[in-house]
Amino acid sequence: MKVQTAYSTDWETKVPVGLAGTARPIGGYYYGPDEVYAGIYNSQGKLEKTVKLEKTSGDRNTATWELPEVQVESESGKKYKSRKYFTSVNAPDGEYVVRISTSAAGMNGLQACITKKVEIYGSMYDDVQNLRNTK
């Protein structure tokens, strides 16, 4: 999951900066969100978890946010790192809702709230994409 935020403003951009005896911006400087969260709701509408996303690129105005990197160890002891969210093995099948929200940004405390849906069927034990037929 990748979330991209973009914030722009022309707040006091016409005020010169650094010139002696001229006006200066007195309203302050404003930026995009400092935090982005993903609330994950199961197929029955219950909140499973709220995950704080990590900024993986960008600056204070335009940024890309992703799930935090998790480390998983296989049965053979090999360790893997990936940016995934794992549901419970017993999690009910169906449509999961992911609500993306941001911290307040800009002069007026703007916030974003975006909803996406994901369909989940079965568990990781039902997956067969790693099995190959060597005929």
N, C-alpha and C. Protein backbone atom coordinates (compact mmCIF):
# COMPACT_ATOMS: atom_id res chain seq x y z
N MET A 1 0.84 -1.16 0.00
CA MET A 1 0.00 0.00 0.00
C MET A 1 0.89 1.23 0.00
N LYS A 2 0.64 2.11 -0.94
CA LYS A 2 1.35 3.39 -0.99
C LYS A 2 0.33 4.52 -0.97
N VAL A 3 0.62 5.51 -0.17
CA VAL A 3 -0.22 6.69 -0.08
C VAL A 3 0.65 7.89 -0.44
N GLN A 4 0.14 8.71 -1.34
CA GLN A 4 0.89 9.91 -1.72
C GLN A 4 0.13 11.14 -1.26
N THR A 5 0.84 12.04 -0.56
CA THR A 5 0.24 13.29 -0.11
C THR A 5 0.93 14.44 -0.84
N ALA A 6 0.15 15.45 -1.14
CA ALA A 6 0.69 16.65 -1.79
C ALA A 6 -0.01 17.87 -1.20
N TYR A 7 0.77 18.81 -0.73
CA TYR A 7 0.23 20.03 -0.14
C TYR A 7 0.94 21.21 -0.78
N SER A 8 0.16 22.21 -1.18
CA SER A 8 0.77 23.43 -1.71
C SER A 8 -0.05 24.63 -1.24
N THR A 9 0.61 25.75 -1.13
CA THR A 9 -0.05 26.98 -0.72
C THR A 9 0.71 28.16 -1.31
N ASP A 10 0.01 29.24 -1.54
CA ASP A 10 0.68 30.47 -1.99
C ASP A 10 0.69 31.50 -0.87
N TRP A 11 0.53 31.01 0.34
CA TRP A 11 0.49 31.88 1.51
C TRP A 11 1.76 32.72 1.59
N GLU A 12 1.60 34.00 1.48
CA GLU A 12 2.68 34.99 1.59
C GLU A 12 3.87 34.70 0.67
N THR A 13 3.62 34.13 -0.49
CA THR A 13 4.74 33.85 -1.41
C THR A 13 5.23 35.11 -2.10
N LYS A 14 4.43 36.14 -2.14
CA LYS A 14 4.84 37.38 -2.82
C LYS A 14 5.63 38.31 -1.90
N VAL A 15 5.77 37.93 -0.65
CA VAL A 15 6.52 38.76 0.29
C VAL A 15 8.01 38.47 0.10
N PRO A 16 8.82 39.49 -0.16
CA PRO A 16 10.25 39.25 -0.34
C PRO A 16 10.91 38.78 0.96
N VAL A 17 11.91 37.97 0.84
CA VAL A 17 12.60 37.44 2.00
C VAL A 17 14.05 37.92 1.97
N GLY A 18 14.52 38.49 3.06
CA GLY A 18 15.92 38.84 3.19
C GLY A 18 16.32 40.20 2.69
N LEU A 19 15.39 40.97 2.19
CA LEU A 19 15.74 42.30 1.70
C LEU A 19 15.58 43.30 2.84
N ALA A 20 16.61 44.04 3.12
CA ALA A 20 16.59 44.99 4.23
C ALA A 20 15.53 46.05 4.01
N GLY A 21 14.78 46.35 5.05
CA GLY A 21 13.79 47.42 5.01
C GLY A 21 12.53 47.07 4.26
N THR A 22 12.32 45.84 3.90
CA THR A 22 11.09 45.46 3.19
C THR A 22 10.19 44.63 4.10
N ALA A 23 9.02 44.35 3.58
CA ALA A 23 8.07 43.54 4.35
C ALA A 23 8.64 42.13 4.54
N ARG A 24 8.15 41.49 5.56
CA ARG A 24 8.56 40.10 5.78
C ARG A 24 7.32 39.28 6.12
N PRO A 25 7.37 37.98 5.82
CA PRO A 25 6.19 37.17 6.13
C PRO A 25 6.00 37.05 7.64
N ILE A 26 4.81 37.37 8.11
CA ILE A 26 4.56 37.28 9.55
C ILE A 26 3.56 36.19 9.88
N GLY A 27 3.00 35.56 8.86
CA GLY A 27 1.97 34.55 9.10
C GLY A 27 2.51 33.16 9.36
N GLY A 28 3.79 32.95 9.18
CA GLY A 28 4.37 31.63 9.41
C GLY A 28 4.45 30.81 8.13
N TYR A 29 4.92 29.60 8.27
CA TYR A 29 5.07 28.69 7.14
C TYR A 29 4.22 27.46 7.40
N TYR A 30 3.64 26.93 6.34
CA TYR A 30 2.72 25.81 6.50
C TYR A 30 3.14 24.64 5.62
N TYR A 31 2.91 23.43 6.11
CA TYR A 31 3.37 22.22 5.43
C TYR A 31 2.29 21.17 5.39
N GLY A 32 2.56 20.10 4.66
CA GLY A 32 1.66 18.96 4.57
C GLY A 32 1.64 18.15 5.86
N PRO A 33 0.97 17.01 5.87
CA PRO A 33 0.83 16.21 7.10
C PRO A 33 2.15 15.61 7.56
N ASP A 34 2.28 15.47 8.88
CA ASP A 34 3.46 14.84 9.48
C ASP A 34 3.23 13.36 9.73
N GLU A 35 1.97 12.93 9.75
CA GLU A 35 1.64 11.54 10.04
C GLU A 35 0.49 11.08 9.16
N VAL A 36 0.56 9.81 8.75
CA VAL A 36 -0.52 9.19 7.98
C VAL A 36 -0.83 7.83 8.61
N TYR A 37 -2.12 7.53 8.74
CA TYR A 37 -2.55 6.29 9.39
C TYR A 37 -3.46 5.49 8.47
N ALA A 38 -3.42 4.17 8.62
CA ALA A 38 -4.34 3.28 7.91
C ALA A 38 -5.13 2.50 8.95
N GLY A 39 -6.42 2.73 9.00
CA GLY A 39 -7.30 1.97 9.88
C GLY A 39 -7.85 0.79 9.09
N ILE A 40 -7.65 -0.43 9.57
CA ILE A 40 -8.04 -1.63 8.84
C ILE A 40 -9.25 -2.25 9.53
N TYR A 41 -10.36 -2.33 8.79
CA TYR A 41 -11.62 -2.86 9.31
C TYR A 41 -11.91 -4.20 8.65
N ASN A 42 -12.30 -5.20 9.44
CA ASN A 42 -12.56 -6.53 8.88
C ASN A 42 -13.90 -6.55 8.16
N SER A 43 -14.25 -7.71 7.61
CA SER A 43 -15.47 -7.83 6.79
C SER A 43 -16.74 -7.63 7.60
N GLN A 44 -16.63 -7.62 8.91
CA GLN A 44 -17.79 -7.38 9.76
C GLN A 44 -17.84 -5.93 10.25
N GLY A 45 -16.93 -5.10 9.74
CA GLY A 45 -16.93 -3.68 10.07
C GLY A 45 -16.23 -3.33 11.36
N LYS A 46 -15.55 -4.29 11.97
CA LYS A 46 -14.84 -4.02 13.23
C LYS A 46 -13.40 -3.60 12.94
N LEU A 47 -12.95 -2.58 13.65
CA LEU A 47 -11.57 -2.12 13.50
C LEU A 47 -10.62 -3.19 14.00
N GLU A 48 -9.75 -3.67 13.12
CA GLU A 48 -8.75 -4.66 13.53
C GLU A 48 -7.52 -3.98 14.10
N LYS A 49 -7.06 -2.96 13.39
CA LYS A 49 -5.83 -2.29 13.81
C LYS A 49 -5.68 -0.98 13.07
N THR A 50 -5.05 -0.02 13.73
CA THR A 50 -4.66 1.22 13.08
C THR A 50 -3.14 1.21 12.98
N VAL A 51 -2.64 1.36 11.77
CA VAL A 51 -1.22 1.27 11.51
C VAL A 51 -0.70 2.66 11.11
N LYS A 52 0.37 3.09 11.77
CA LYS A 52 1.00 4.36 11.40
C LYS A 52 1.93 4.08 10.22
N LEU A 53 1.70 4.76 9.10
CA LEU A 53 2.51 4.55 7.91
C LEU A 53 3.84 5.30 8.04
N GLU A 54 4.85 4.80 7.32
CA GLU A 54 6.18 5.43 7.33
C GLU A 54 6.37 6.25 6.06
N LYS A 55 6.99 7.41 6.21
CA LYS A 55 7.33 8.21 5.04
C LYS A 55 8.54 7.58 4.39
N THR A 56 8.40 7.13 3.12
CA THR A 56 9.51 6.47 2.44
C THR A 56 10.21 7.36 1.44
N SER A 57 9.58 8.47 1.07
CA SER A 57 10.25 9.43 0.20
C SER A 57 9.50 10.74 0.25
N GLY A 58 10.14 11.78 -0.25
CA GLY A 58 9.50 13.08 -0.33
C GLY A 58 9.99 14.06 0.71
N ASP A 59 9.26 15.17 0.79
CA ASP A 59 9.62 16.23 1.73
C ASP A 59 8.40 16.57 2.58
N ARG A 60 8.38 17.76 3.16
CA ARG A 60 7.29 18.13 4.06
C ARG A 60 5.99 18.46 3.34
N ASN A 61 6.05 18.66 2.01
CA ASN A 61 4.85 19.01 1.26
C ASN A 61 4.34 17.88 0.36
N THR A 62 5.23 17.16 -0.26
CA THR A 62 4.86 16.07 -1.15
C THR A 62 5.61 14.84 -0.68
N ALA A 63 4.88 13.78 -0.34
CA ALA A 63 5.54 12.60 0.24
C ALA A 63 4.83 11.32 -0.16
N THR A 64 5.56 10.21 -0.06
CA THR A 64 5.00 8.88 -0.24
C THR A 64 5.10 8.15 1.09
N TRP A 65 4.00 7.52 1.49
CA TRP A 65 3.90 6.81 2.76
C TRP A 65 3.58 5.35 2.48
N GLU A 66 4.19 4.44 3.26
CA GLU A 66 3.95 3.01 3.09
C GLU A 66 3.81 2.33 4.44
N LEU A 67 3.31 1.08 4.40
CA LEU A 67 3.24 0.30 5.62
C LEU A 67 4.63 0.15 6.22
N PRO A 68 4.74 0.04 7.54
CA PRO A 68 6.06 -0.15 8.14
C PRO A 68 6.65 -1.50 7.72
N GLU A 69 7.96 -1.53 7.65
CA GLU A 69 8.65 -2.76 7.28
C GLU A 69 8.58 -3.75 8.44
N VAL A 70 8.16 -4.98 8.15
CA VAL A 70 8.11 -6.02 9.17
C VAL A 70 9.05 -7.15 8.77
N GLN A 71 9.58 -7.81 9.78
CA GLN A 71 10.49 -8.93 9.52
C GLN A 71 9.78 -10.22 9.88
N VAL A 72 9.80 -11.17 8.94
CA VAL A 72 9.15 -12.46 9.13
C VAL A 72 10.21 -13.53 9.00
N GLU A 73 10.15 -14.51 9.89
CA GLU A 73 11.12 -15.62 9.84
C GLU A 73 10.40 -16.88 9.37
N SER A 74 10.96 -17.53 8.34
CA SER A 74 10.37 -18.76 7.82
C SER A 74 10.72 -19.93 8.73
N GLU A 75 10.11 -21.08 8.45
CA GLU A 75 10.39 -22.27 9.24
C GLU A 75 11.85 -22.69 9.12
N SER A 76 12.48 -22.37 8.00
CA SER A 76 13.89 -22.74 7.80
C SER A 76 14.85 -21.77 8.50
N GLY A 77 14.31 -20.71 9.09
CA GLY A 77 15.14 -19.74 9.80
C GLY A 77 15.54 -18.55 8.96
N LYS A 78 15.15 -18.54 7.70
CA LYS A 78 15.47 -17.41 6.82
C LYS A 78 14.58 -16.23 7.17
N LYS A 79 15.16 -15.03 7.21
CA LYS A 79 14.41 -13.84 7.59
C LYS A 79 14.12 -12.99 6.34
N TYR A 80 12.90 -12.51 6.28
CA TYR A 80 12.46 -11.69 5.16
C TYR A 80 11.91 -10.38 5.71
N LYS A 81 12.16 -9.30 5.00
CA LYS A 81 11.59 -8.00 5.34
C LYS A 81 10.64 -7.59 4.23
N SER A 82 9.49 -7.10 4.62
CA SER A 82 8.54 -6.63 3.63
C SER A 82 7.59 -5.63 4.27
N ARG A 83 6.87 -4.93 3.43
CA ARG A 83 5.89 -3.95 3.88
C ARG A 83 4.50 -4.54 3.65
N LYS A 84 4.05 -5.35 4.61
CA LYS A 84 2.77 -6.03 4.49
C LYS A 84 2.02 -5.94 5.81
N TYR A 85 0.72 -6.11 5.69
CA TYR A 85 -0.12 -6.25 6.88
C TYR A 85 -0.68 -7.65 6.85
N PHE A 86 -0.49 -8.40 7.92
CA PHE A 86 -0.96 -9.77 7.99
C PHE A 86 -2.24 -9.84 8.82
N THR A 87 -3.27 -10.41 8.23
CA THR A 87 -4.49 -10.65 8.99
C THR A 87 -4.32 -11.95 9.76
N SER A 88 -5.19 -12.18 10.71
CA SER A 88 -5.18 -13.40 11.48
C SER A 88 -5.56 -14.58 10.58
N VAL A 89 -5.04 -15.76 10.90
CA VAL A 89 -5.39 -16.96 10.14
C VAL A 89 -6.89 -17.22 10.23
N ASN A 90 -7.48 -16.86 11.34
CA ASN A 90 -8.91 -17.08 11.56
C ASN A 90 -9.77 -15.90 11.14
N ALA A 91 -9.18 -14.92 10.47
CA ALA A 91 -9.94 -13.74 10.07
C ALA A 91 -11.03 -14.12 9.08
N PRO A 92 -12.21 -13.54 9.22
CA PRO A 92 -13.30 -13.88 8.31
C PRO A 92 -13.02 -13.39 6.89
N ASP A 93 -13.48 -14.17 5.89
CA ASP A 93 -13.34 -13.77 4.50
C ASP A 93 -14.24 -12.58 4.21
N GLY A 94 -13.94 -11.91 3.10
CA GLY A 94 -14.82 -10.84 2.65
C GLY A 94 -14.09 -9.56 2.36
N GLU A 95 -14.87 -8.49 2.32
CA GLU A 95 -14.37 -7.18 1.95
C GLU A 95 -13.83 -6.44 3.18
N TYR A 96 -12.58 -6.08 3.14
CA TYR A 96 -11.95 -5.32 4.21
C TYR A 96 -11.87 -3.86 3.76
N VAL A 97 -12.10 -2.96 4.68
CA VAL A 97 -12.04 -1.54 4.40
C VAL A 97 -10.78 -0.98 5.03
N VAL A 98 -10.05 -0.19 4.24
CA VAL A 98 -8.85 0.50 4.74
C VAL A 98 -9.15 1.99 4.67
N ARG A 99 -9.13 2.65 5.82
CA ARG A 99 -9.37 4.10 5.87
C ARG A 99 -8.06 4.80 6.14
N ILE A 100 -7.64 5.59 5.17
CA ILE A 100 -6.40 6.35 5.27
C ILE A 100 -6.75 7.73 5.82
N SER A 101 -6.04 8.15 6.86
CA SER A 101 -6.26 9.49 7.42
C SER A 101 -4.92 10.14 7.70
N THR A 102 -4.92 11.46 7.73
CA THR A 102 -3.68 12.21 7.95
C THR A 102 -3.80 13.07 9.19
N SER A 103 -2.66 13.50 9.68
CA SER A 103 -2.65 14.50 10.75
C SER A 103 -3.01 15.84 10.13
N ALA A 104 -3.32 16.81 10.96
CA ALA A 104 -3.70 18.13 10.48
C ALA A 104 -2.53 18.78 9.74
N ALA A 105 -2.85 19.47 8.66
CA ALA A 105 -1.81 20.11 7.84
C ALA A 105 -2.26 21.51 7.42
N GLY A 106 -1.28 22.33 7.09
CA GLY A 106 -1.58 23.66 6.58
C GLY A 106 -2.07 24.62 7.63
N MET A 107 -2.43 25.80 7.16
CA MET A 107 -2.86 26.88 8.03
C MET A 107 -4.15 26.55 8.78
N ASN A 108 -5.08 25.85 8.11
CA ASN A 108 -6.39 25.59 8.70
C ASN A 108 -6.55 24.18 9.23
N GLY A 109 -5.46 23.42 9.35
CA GLY A 109 -5.55 22.07 9.90
C GLY A 109 -6.27 21.09 8.98
N LEU A 110 -5.99 21.17 7.68
CA LEU A 110 -6.62 20.26 6.71
C LEU A 110 -6.30 18.81 7.04
N GLN A 111 -7.27 17.95 6.83
CA GLN A 111 -7.06 16.51 7.02
C GLN A 111 -7.66 15.78 5.83
N ALA A 112 -7.08 14.63 5.51
CA ALA A 112 -7.61 13.80 4.43
C ALA A 112 -8.13 12.51 5.02
N CYS A 113 -9.18 11.98 4.41
CA CYS A 113 -9.70 10.68 4.82
C CYS A 113 -10.15 9.97 3.54
N ILE A 114 -9.45 8.92 3.17
CA ILE A 114 -9.71 8.18 1.94
C ILE A 114 -10.04 6.74 2.31
N THR A 115 -11.01 6.16 1.64
CA THR A 115 -11.41 4.78 1.92
C THR A 115 -11.14 3.91 0.70
N LYS A 116 -10.48 2.78 0.93
CA LYS A 116 -10.23 1.78 -0.12
C LYS A 116 -10.75 0.44 0.39
N LYS A 117 -11.06 -0.46 -0.54
CA LYS A 117 -11.56 -1.78 -0.15
C LYS A 117 -10.66 -2.86 -0.72
N VAL A 118 -10.49 -3.93 0.07
CA VAL A 118 -9.68 -5.08 -0.32
C VAL A 118 -10.50 -6.33 -0.04
N GLU A 119 -10.51 -7.28 -0.98
CA GLU A 119 -11.23 -8.53 -0.75
C GLU A 119 -10.25 -9.62 -0.35
N ILE A 120 -10.58 -10.31 0.74
CA ILE A 120 -9.73 -11.39 1.24
C ILE A 120 -10.55 -12.67 1.28
N TYR A 121 -9.99 -13.72 0.67
CA TYR A 121 -10.63 -15.03 0.69
C TYR A 121 -9.61 -16.06 1.11
N GLY A 122 -9.93 -16.86 2.10
CA GLY A 122 -9.04 -17.91 2.56
C GLY A 122 -7.93 -17.36 3.43
N SER A 123 -6.99 -18.24 3.76
CA SER A 123 -5.84 -17.85 4.56
C SER A 123 -4.58 -18.14 3.78
N MET A 124 -3.45 -17.84 4.38
CA MET A 124 -2.18 -18.09 3.70
C MET A 124 -1.98 -19.58 3.44
N TYR A 125 -2.65 -20.42 4.21
CA TYR A 125 -2.52 -21.87 4.02
C TYR A 125 -3.30 -22.35 2.79
N ASP A 126 -4.21 -21.51 2.29
CA ASP A 126 -4.96 -21.87 1.09
C ASP A 126 -4.23 -21.47 -0.18
N ASP A 127 -3.19 -20.66 -0.06
CA ASP A 127 -2.47 -20.18 -1.24
C ASP A 127 -1.67 -21.30 -1.89
N VAL A 128 -1.70 -21.32 -3.20
CA VAL A 128 -0.95 -22.34 -3.93
C VAL A 128 -0.05 -21.72 -4.99
N GLN A 129 0.09 -20.40 -5.00
CA GLN A 129 0.87 -19.78 -6.06
C GLN A 129 2.36 -20.13 -5.98
N ASN A 130 2.83 -20.60 -4.86
CA ASN A 130 4.25 -20.95 -4.73
C ASN A 130 4.54 -22.39 -5.13
N LEU A 131 3.50 -23.17 -5.39
CA LEU A 131 3.70 -24.55 -5.79
C LEU A 131 3.87 -24.61 -7.30
N ARG A 132 4.90 -25.30 -7.76
CA ARG A 132 5.16 -25.38 -9.20
C ARG A 132 5.04 -26.81 -9.67
N ASN A 133 4.51 -26.94 -10.85
CA ASN A 133 4.43 -28.23 -11.48
C ASN A 133 5.67 -28.39 -12.35
N THR A 134 6.48 -29.39 -12.08
CA THR A 134 7.76 -29.55 -12.79
C THR A 134 7.69 -30.58 -13.91
N LYS A 135 6.51 -30.76 -14.49
CA LYS A 135 6.36 -31.74 -15.57
C LYS A 135 7.03 -31.26 -16.83
